[in-house]
Amino acid sequence: MGPEELCPHPIARADAEALIGLLAVLQGHALAGDLDGRLVARLSERVGQEDRAELHASLDHLNQALRTVLGEYD
């Protein structure tokens, strides 16, 4: 990843941790089939997936990216 792909301003650790938790909750509900179809479609659109089946993988990718930013895998 080149510098042009990085965000110029970091977020607070507490904000990243909160986002990790939110993504985990969304992932769990998506896997359980608890989410309304319109919500799944909107979330899929926001993560750049046309295929709804890829929503879980995209949410997991975002979660892992935030965990990497926090240094959890160093």
PDB file of N, CA and C in Angstrom:
ATOM      1  N   MET A   1       0.857  -1.167   0.000  1.00  0.00           N
ATOM      2  CA  MET A   1       0.000   0.000   0.000  1.00  0.00           C
ATOM      3  C   MET A   1       0.905   1.234   0.000  1.00  0.00           C
ATOM      4  N   GLY A   2       0.681   2.107  -0.941  1.00  0.00           N
ATOM      5  CA  GLY A   2       1.482   3.319  -1.042  1.00  0.00           C
ATOM      6  C   GLY A   2       0.949   4.418  -0.155  1.00  0.00           C
ATOM      7  N   PRO A   3       1.759   5.452   0.066  1.00  0.00           N
ATOM      8  CA  PRO A   3       1.339   6.561   0.929  1.00  0.00           C
ATOM      9  C   PRO A   3       0.084   7.264   0.439  1.00  0.00           C
ATOM     10  N   GLU A   4      -0.151   7.255  -0.860  1.00  0.00           N
ATOM     11  CA  GLU A   4      -1.352   7.916  -1.392  1.00  0.00           C
ATOM     12  C   GLU A   4      -2.631   7.193  -0.992  1.00  0.00           C
ATOM     13  N   GLU A   5      -2.517   5.961  -0.529  1.00  0.00           N
ATOM     14  CA  GLU A   5      -3.682   5.187  -0.105  1.00  0.00           C
ATOM     15  C   GLU A   5      -3.960   5.311   1.393  1.00  0.00           C
ATOM     16  N   LEU A   6      -3.053   5.923   2.114  1.00  0.00           N
ATOM     17  CA  LEU A   6      -3.207   6.054   3.562  1.00  0.00           C
ATOM     18  C   LEU A   6      -4.011   7.300   3.909  1.00  0.00           C
ATOM     19  N   CYS A   7      -4.705   7.244   5.005  1.00  0.00           N
ATOM     20  CA  CYS A   7      -5.462   8.395   5.490  1.00  0.00           C
ATOM     21  C   CYS A   7      -4.491   9.397   6.105  1.00  0.00           C
ATOM     22  N   PRO A   8      -4.706  10.663   5.867  1.00  0.00           N
ATOM     23  CA  PRO A   8      -3.773  11.658   6.398  1.00  0.00           C
ATOM     24  C   PRO A   8      -3.904  11.906   7.895  1.00  0.00           C
ATOM     25  N   HIS A   9      -5.026  11.540   8.490  1.00  0.00           N
ATOM     26  CA  HIS A   9      -5.250  11.811   9.910  1.00  0.00           C
ATOM     27  C   HIS A   9      -5.699  10.529  10.607  1.00  0.00           C
ATOM     28  N   PRO A  10      -4.957  10.086  11.612  1.00  0.00           N
ATOM     29  CA  PRO A  10      -5.356   8.864  12.326  1.00  0.00           C
ATOM     30  C   PRO A  10      -6.593   9.105  13.191  1.00  0.00           C
ATOM     31  N   ILE A  11      -7.229   8.014  13.571  1.00  0.00           N
ATOM     32  CA  ILE A  11      -8.369   8.118  14.478  1.00  0.00           C
ATOM     33  C   ILE A  11      -7.918   7.706  15.879  1.00  0.00           C
ATOM     34  N   ALA A  12      -8.684   8.082  16.847  1.00  0.00           N
ATOM     35  CA  ALA A  12      -8.365   7.737  18.235  1.00  0.00           C
ATOM     36  C   ALA A  12      -8.520   6.235  18.450  1.00  0.00           C
ATOM     37  N   ARG A  13      -7.691   5.687  19.318  1.00  0.00           N
ATOM     38  CA  ARG A  13      -7.726   4.255  19.629  1.00  0.00           C
ATOM     39  C   ARG A  13      -9.133   3.823  20.060  1.00  0.00           C
ATOM     40  N   ALA A  14      -9.762   4.614  20.911  1.00  0.00           N
ATOM     41  CA  ALA A  14     -11.107   4.270  21.394  1.00  0.00           C
ATOM     42  C   ALA A  14     -12.109   4.211  20.236  1.00  0.00           C
ATOM     43  N   ASP A  15     -11.953   5.086  19.254  1.00  0.00           N
ATOM     44  CA  ASP A  15     -12.844   5.070  18.094  1.00  0.00           C
ATOM     45  C   ASP A  15     -12.621   3.812  17.256  1.00  0.00           C
ATOM     46  N   ALA A  16     -11.363   3.440  17.065  1.00  0.00           N
ATOM     47  CA  ALA A  16     -11.061   2.218  16.308  1.00  0.00           C
ATOM     48  C   ALA A  16     -11.612   0.996  17.038  1.00  0.00           C
ATOM     49  N   GLU A  17     -11.463   0.966  18.352  1.00  0.00           N
ATOM     50  CA  GLU A  17     -11.993  -0.153  19.136  1.00  0.00           C
ATOM     51  C   GLU A  17     -13.510  -0.218  19.047  1.00  0.00           C
ATOM     52  N   ALA A  18     -14.172   0.931  19.066  1.00  0.00           N
ATOM     53  CA  ALA A  18     -15.628   0.966  18.939  1.00  0.00           C
ATOM     54  C   ALA A  18     -16.052   0.457  17.557  1.00  0.00           C
ATOM     55  N   LEU A  19     -15.340   0.860  16.528  1.00  0.00           N
ATOM     56  CA  LEU A  19     -15.665   0.404  15.172  1.00  0.00           C
ATOM     57  C   LEU A  19     -15.468  -1.103  15.035  1.00  0.00           C
ATOM     58  N   ILE A  20     -14.439  -1.642  15.662  1.00  0.00           N
ATOM     59  CA  ILE A  20     -14.217  -3.091  15.645  1.00  0.00           C
ATOM     60  C   ILE A  20     -15.424  -3.794  16.269  1.00  0.00           C
ATOM     61  N   GLY A  21     -15.893  -3.275  17.388  1.00  0.00           N
ATOM     62  CA  GLY A  21     -17.062  -3.867  18.043  1.00  0.00           C
ATOM     63  C   GLY A  21     -18.311  -3.775  17.190  1.00  0.00           C
ATOM     64  N   LEU A  22     -18.530  -2.626  16.569  1.00  0.00           N
ATOM     65  CA  LEU A  22     -19.698  -2.466  15.694  1.00  0.00           C
ATOM     66  C   LEU A  22     -19.648  -3.429  14.515  1.00  0.00           C
ATOM     67  N   LEU A  23     -18.478  -3.554  13.911  1.00  0.00           N
ATOM     68  CA  LEU A  23     -18.339  -4.487  12.784  1.00  0.00           C
ATOM     69  C   LEU A  23     -18.600  -5.921  13.227  1.00  0.00           C
ATOM     70  N   ALA A  24     -18.126  -6.274  14.409  1.00  0.00           N
ATOM     71  CA  ALA A  24     -18.341  -7.632  14.921  1.00  0.00           C
ATOM     72  C   ALA A  24     -19.831  -7.910  15.135  1.00  0.00           C
ATOM     73  N   VAL A  25     -20.549  -6.937  15.674  1.00  0.00           N
ATOM     74  CA  VAL A  25     -21.994  -7.099  15.878  1.00  0.00           C
ATOM     75  C   VAL A  25     -22.707  -7.251  14.532  1.00  0.00           C
ATOM     76  N   LEU A  26     -22.364  -6.401  13.579  1.00  0.00           N
ATOM     77  CA  LEU A  26     -22.977  -6.495  12.244  1.00  0.00           C
ATOM     78  C   LEU A  26     -22.687  -7.848  11.607  1.00  0.00           C
ATOM     79  N   GLN A  27     -21.429  -8.288  11.720  1.00  0.00           N
ATOM     80  CA  GLN A  27     -21.056  -9.592  11.168  1.00  0.00           C
ATOM     81  C   GLN A  27     -21.888 -10.705  11.776  1.00  0.00           C
ATOM     82  N   GLY A  28     -22.023 -10.689  13.081  1.00  0.00           N
ATOM     83  CA  GLY A  28     -22.796 -11.725  13.757  1.00  0.00           C
ATOM     84  C   GLY A  28     -24.237 -11.751  13.303  1.00  0.00           C
ATOM     85  N   HIS A  29     -24.849 -10.587  13.203  1.00  0.00           N
ATOM     86  CA  HIS A  29     -26.241 -10.530  12.769  1.00  0.00           C
ATOM     87  C   HIS A  29     -26.379 -10.907  11.292  1.00  0.00           C
ATOM     88  N   ALA A  30     -25.396 -10.545  10.476  1.00  0.00           N
ATOM     89  CA  ALA A  30     -25.431 -10.927   9.062  1.00  0.00           C
ATOM     90  C   ALA A  30     -25.335 -12.442   8.917  1.00  0.00           C
ATOM     91  N   LEU A  31     -24.447 -13.058   9.680  1.00  0.00           N
ATOM     92  CA  LEU A  31     -24.295 -14.520   9.627  1.00  0.00           C
ATOM     93  C   LEU A  31     -25.549 -15.240  10.108  1.00  0.00           C
ATOM     94  N   ALA A  32     -26.196 -14.678  11.120  1.00  0.00           N
ATOM     95  CA  ALA A  32     -27.403 -15.302  11.680  1.00  0.00           C
ATOM     96  C   ALA A  32     -28.639 -15.046  10.824  1.00  0.00           C
ATOM     97  N   GLY A  33     -28.513 -14.170   9.834  1.00  0.00           N
ATOM     98  CA  GLY A  33     -29.661 -13.848   8.995  1.00  0.00           C
ATOM     99  C   GLY A  33     -30.649 -12.924   9.668  1.00  0.00           C
ATOM    100  N   ASP A  34     -30.186 -12.172  10.657  1.00  0.00           N
ATOM    101  CA  ASP A  34     -31.050 -11.286  11.423  1.00  0.00           C
ATOM    102  C   ASP A  34     -31.261  -9.912  10.790  1.00  0.00           C
ATOM    103  N   LEU A  35     -30.557  -9.618   9.715  1.00  0.00           N
ATOM    104  CA  LEU A  35     -30.634  -8.284   9.128  1.00  0.00           C
ATOM    105  C   LEU A  35     -31.679  -8.228   8.023  1.00  0.00           C
ATOM    106  N   ASP A  36     -32.405  -7.138   8.003  1.00  0.00           N
ATOM    107  CA  ASP A  36     -33.383  -6.870   6.957  1.00  0.00           C
ATOM    108  C   ASP A  36     -32.683  -6.843   5.598  1.00  0.00           C
ATOM    109  N   GLY A  37     -33.359  -7.330   4.569  1.00  0.00           N
ATOM    110  CA  GLY A  37     -32.795  -7.384   3.220  1.00  0.00           C
ATOM    111  C   GLY A  37     -32.339  -6.033   2.705  1.00  0.00           C
ATOM    112  N   ARG A  38     -33.087  -4.987   3.017  1.00  0.00           N
ATOM    113  CA  ARG A  38     -32.697  -3.637   2.568  1.00  0.00           C
ATOM    114  C   ARG A  38     -31.413  -3.188   3.248  1.00  0.00           C
ATOM    115  N   LEU A  39     -31.276  -3.534   4.525  1.00  0.00           N
ATOM    116  CA  LEU A  39     -30.066  -3.173   5.258  1.00  0.00           C
ATOM    117  C   LEU A  39     -28.860  -3.935   4.693  1.00  0.00           C
ATOM    118  N   VAL A  40     -29.046  -5.211   4.418  1.00  0.00           N
ATOM    119  CA  VAL A  40     -27.967  -6.009   3.835  1.00  0.00           C
ATOM    120  C   VAL A  40     -27.549  -5.428   2.484  1.00  0.00           C
ATOM    121  N   ALA A  41     -28.524  -5.044   1.679  1.00  0.00           N
ATOM    122  CA  ALA A  41     -28.224  -4.457   0.368  1.00  0.00           C
ATOM    123  C   ALA A  41     -27.451  -3.149   0.528  1.00  0.00           C
ATOM    124  N   ARG A  42     -27.852  -2.327   1.454  1.00  0.00           N
ATOM    125  CA  ARG A  42     -27.194  -1.031   1.680  1.00  0.00           C
ATOM    126  C   ARG A  42     -25.780  -1.218   2.214  1.00  0.00           C
ATOM    127  N   LEU A  43     -25.615  -2.132   3.168  1.00  0.00           N
ATOM    128  CA  LEU A  43     -24.285  -2.409   3.701  1.00  0.00           C
ATOM    129  C   LEU A  43     -23.378  -2.980   2.619  1.00  0.00           C
ATOM    130  N   SER A  44     -23.910  -3.879   1.811  1.00  0.00           N
ATOM    131  CA  SER A  44     -23.134  -4.459   0.713  1.00  0.00           C
ATOM    132  C   SER A  44     -22.665  -3.375  -0.242  1.00  0.00           C
ATOM    133  N   GLU A  45     -23.548  -2.447  -0.521  1.00  0.00           N
ATOM    134  CA  GLU A  45     -23.206  -1.323  -1.405  1.00  0.00           C
ATOM    135  C   GLU A  45     -22.089  -0.472  -0.790  1.00  0.00           C
ATOM    136  N   ARG A  46     -22.184  -0.214   0.501  1.00  0.00           N
ATOM    137  CA  ARG A  46     -21.197   0.644   1.176  1.00  0.00           C
ATOM    138  C   ARG A  46     -19.809   0.019   1.219  1.00  0.00           C
ATOM    139  N   VAL A  47     -19.738  -1.303   1.269  1.00  0.00           N
ATOM    140  CA  VAL A  47     -18.426  -1.964   1.294  1.00  0.00           C
ATOM    141  C   VAL A  47     -17.963  -2.355  -0.105  1.00  0.00           C
ATOM    142  N   GLY A  48     -18.709  -1.913  -1.123  1.00  0.00           N
ATOM    143  CA  GLY A  48     -18.284  -2.120  -2.502  1.00  0.00           C
ATOM    144  C   GLY A  48     -18.515  -3.511  -3.041  1.00  0.00           C
ATOM    145  N   GLN A  49     -19.499  -4.188  -2.523  1.00  0.00           N
ATOM    146  CA  GLN A  49     -19.823  -5.537  -2.984  1.00  0.00           C
ATOM    147  C   GLN A  49     -21.171  -5.546  -3.677  1.00  0.00           C
ATOM    148  N   GLU A  50     -21.193  -6.084  -4.860  1.00  0.00           N
ATOM    149  CA  GLU A  50     -22.480  -6.242  -5.535  1.00  0.00           C
ATOM    150  C   GLU A  50     -23.165  -7.521  -5.081  1.00  0.00           C
ATOM    151  N   ASP A  51     -22.370  -8.491  -4.696  1.00  0.00           N
ATOM    152  CA  ASP A  51     -22.882  -9.785  -4.261  1.00  0.00           C
ATOM    153  C   ASP A  51     -23.103  -9.753  -2.758  1.00  0.00           C
ATOM    154  N   ARG A  52     -24.330  -9.934  -2.344  1.00  0.00           N
ATOM    155  CA  ARG A  52     -24.656  -9.890  -0.909  1.00  0.00           C
ATOM    156  C   ARG A  52     -23.902 -10.942  -0.115  1.00  0.00           C
ATOM    157  N   ALA A  53     -23.560 -12.052  -0.757  1.00  0.00           N
ATOM    158  CA  ALA A  53     -22.849 -13.126  -0.063  1.00  0.00           C
ATOM    159  C   ALA A  53     -21.458 -12.688   0.390  1.00  0.00           C
ATOM    160  N   GLU A  54     -20.928 -11.663  -0.212  1.00  0.00           N
ATOM    161  CA  GLU A  54     -19.596 -11.184   0.136  1.00  0.00           C
ATOM    162  C   GLU A  54     -19.602 -10.199   1.306  1.00  0.00           C
ATOM    163  N   LEU A  55     -20.767  -9.854   1.802  1.00  0.00           N
ATOM    164  CA  LEU A  55     -20.852  -8.884   2.895  1.00  0.00           C
ATOM    165  C   LEU A  55     -20.056  -9.336   4.111  1.00  0.00           C
ATOM    166  N   HIS A  56     -20.226 -10.581   4.513  1.00  0.00           N
ATOM    167  CA  HIS A  56     -19.509 -11.088   5.687  1.00  0.00           C
ATOM    168  C   HIS A  56     -18.005 -10.948   5.500  1.00  0.00           C
ATOM    169  N   ALA A  57     -17.496 -11.342   4.351  1.00  0.00           N
ATOM    170  CA  ALA A  57     -16.057 -11.260   4.092  1.00  0.00           C
ATOM    171  C   ALA A  57     -15.573  -9.815   4.117  1.00  0.00           C
ATOM    172  N   SER A  58     -16.370  -8.908   3.595  1.00  0.00           N
ATOM    173  CA  SER A  58     -15.984  -7.497   3.579  1.00  0.00           C
ATOM    174  C   SER A  58     -15.959  -6.913   4.983  1.00  0.00           C
ATOM    175  N   LEU A  59     -16.953  -7.264   5.795  1.00  0.00           N
ATOM    176  CA  LEU A  59     -16.976  -6.790   7.180  1.00  0.00           C
ATOM    177  C   LEU A  59     -15.779  -7.343   7.948  1.00  0.00           C
ATOM    178  N   ASP A  60     -15.445  -8.608   7.700  1.00  0.00           N
ATOM    179  CA  ASP A  60     -14.293  -9.214   8.353  1.00  0.00           C
ATOM    180  C   ASP A  60     -13.004  -8.514   7.927  1.00  0.00           C
ATOM    181  N   HIS A  61     -12.885  -8.198   6.641  1.00  0.00           N
ATOM    182  CA  HIS A  61     -11.698  -7.505   6.137  1.00  0.00           C
ATOM    183  C   HIS A  61     -11.537  -6.145   6.817  1.00  0.00           C
ATOM    184  N   LEU A  62     -12.623  -5.396   6.935  1.00  0.00           N
ATOM    185  CA  LEU A  62     -12.569  -4.095   7.596  1.00  0.00           C
ATOM    186  C   LEU A  62     -12.170  -4.245   9.065  1.00  0.00           C
ATOM    187  N   ASN A  63     -12.727  -5.251   9.717  1.00  0.00           N
ATOM    188  CA  ASN A  63     -12.411  -5.506  11.116  1.00  0.00           C
ATOM    189  C   ASN A  63     -10.923  -5.813  11.272  1.00  0.00           C
ATOM    190  N   GLN A  64     -10.395  -6.673  10.410  1.00  0.00           N
ATOM    191  CA  GLN A  64      -8.985  -7.043  10.476  1.00  0.00           C
ATOM    192  C   GLN A  64      -8.081  -5.847  10.172  1.00  0.00           C
ATOM    193  N   ALA A  65      -8.503  -4.983   9.242  1.00  0.00           N
ATOM    194  CA  ALA A  65      -7.720  -3.790   8.915  1.00  0.00           C
ATOM    195  C   ALA A  65      -7.617  -2.876  10.138  1.00  0.00           C
ATOM    196  N   LEU A  66      -8.716  -2.694  10.850  1.00  0.00           N
ATOM    197  CA  LEU A  66      -8.687  -1.862  12.056  1.00  0.00           C
ATOM    198  C   LEU A  66      -7.821  -2.494  13.146  1.00  0.00           C
ATOM    199  N   ARG A  67      -7.895  -3.795  13.276  1.00  0.00           N
ATOM    200  CA  ARG A  67      -7.065  -4.482  14.271  1.00  0.00           C
ATOM    201  C   ARG A  67      -5.574  -4.342  13.931  1.00  0.00           C
ATOM    202  N   THR A  68      -5.265  -4.373  12.648  1.00  0.00           N
ATOM    203  CA  THR A  68      -3.885  -4.177  12.208  1.00  0.00           C
ATOM    204  C   THR A  68      -3.415  -2.778  12.538  1.00  0.00           C
ATOM    205  N   VAL A  69      -4.270  -1.786  12.302  1.00  0.00           N
ATOM    206  CA  VAL A  69      -3.942  -0.390  12.615  1.00  0.00           C
ATOM    207  C   VAL A  69      -3.628  -0.243  14.103  1.00  0.00           C
ATOM    208  N   LEU A  70      -4.353  -0.959  14.924  1.00  0.00           N
ATOM    209  CA  LEU A  70      -4.134  -0.881  16.375  1.00  0.00           C
ATOM    210  C   LEU A  70      -2.896  -1.663  16.825  1.00  0.00           C
ATOM    211  N   GLY A  71      -2.275  -2.392  15.897  1.00  0.00           N
ATOM    212  CA  GLY A  71      -1.073  -3.143  16.228  1.00  0.00           C
ATOM    213  C   GLY A  71      -1.333  -4.468  16.883  1.00  0.00           C
ATOM    214  N   GLU A  72      -2.536  -5.010  16.739  1.00  0.00           N
ATOM    215  CA  GLU A  72      -2.867  -6.281  17.388  1.00  0.00           C
ATOM    216  C   GLU A  72      -2.120  -7.465  16.774  1.00  0.00           C
ATOM    217  N   TYR A  73      -1.598  -7.315  15.573  1.00  0.00           N
ATOM    218  CA  TYR A  73      -0.922  -8.429  14.908  1.00  0.00           C
ATOM    219  C   TYR A  73       0.577  -8.223  14.806  1.00  0.00           C
ATOM    220  N   ASP A  74       1.107  -7.261  15.547  1.00  0.00           N
ATOM    221  CA  ASP A  74       2.564  -7.014  15.519  1.00  0.00           C
ATOM    222  C   ASP A  74       3.298  -7.996  16.394  1.00  0.00           C
TER     223      ASP A  74
END
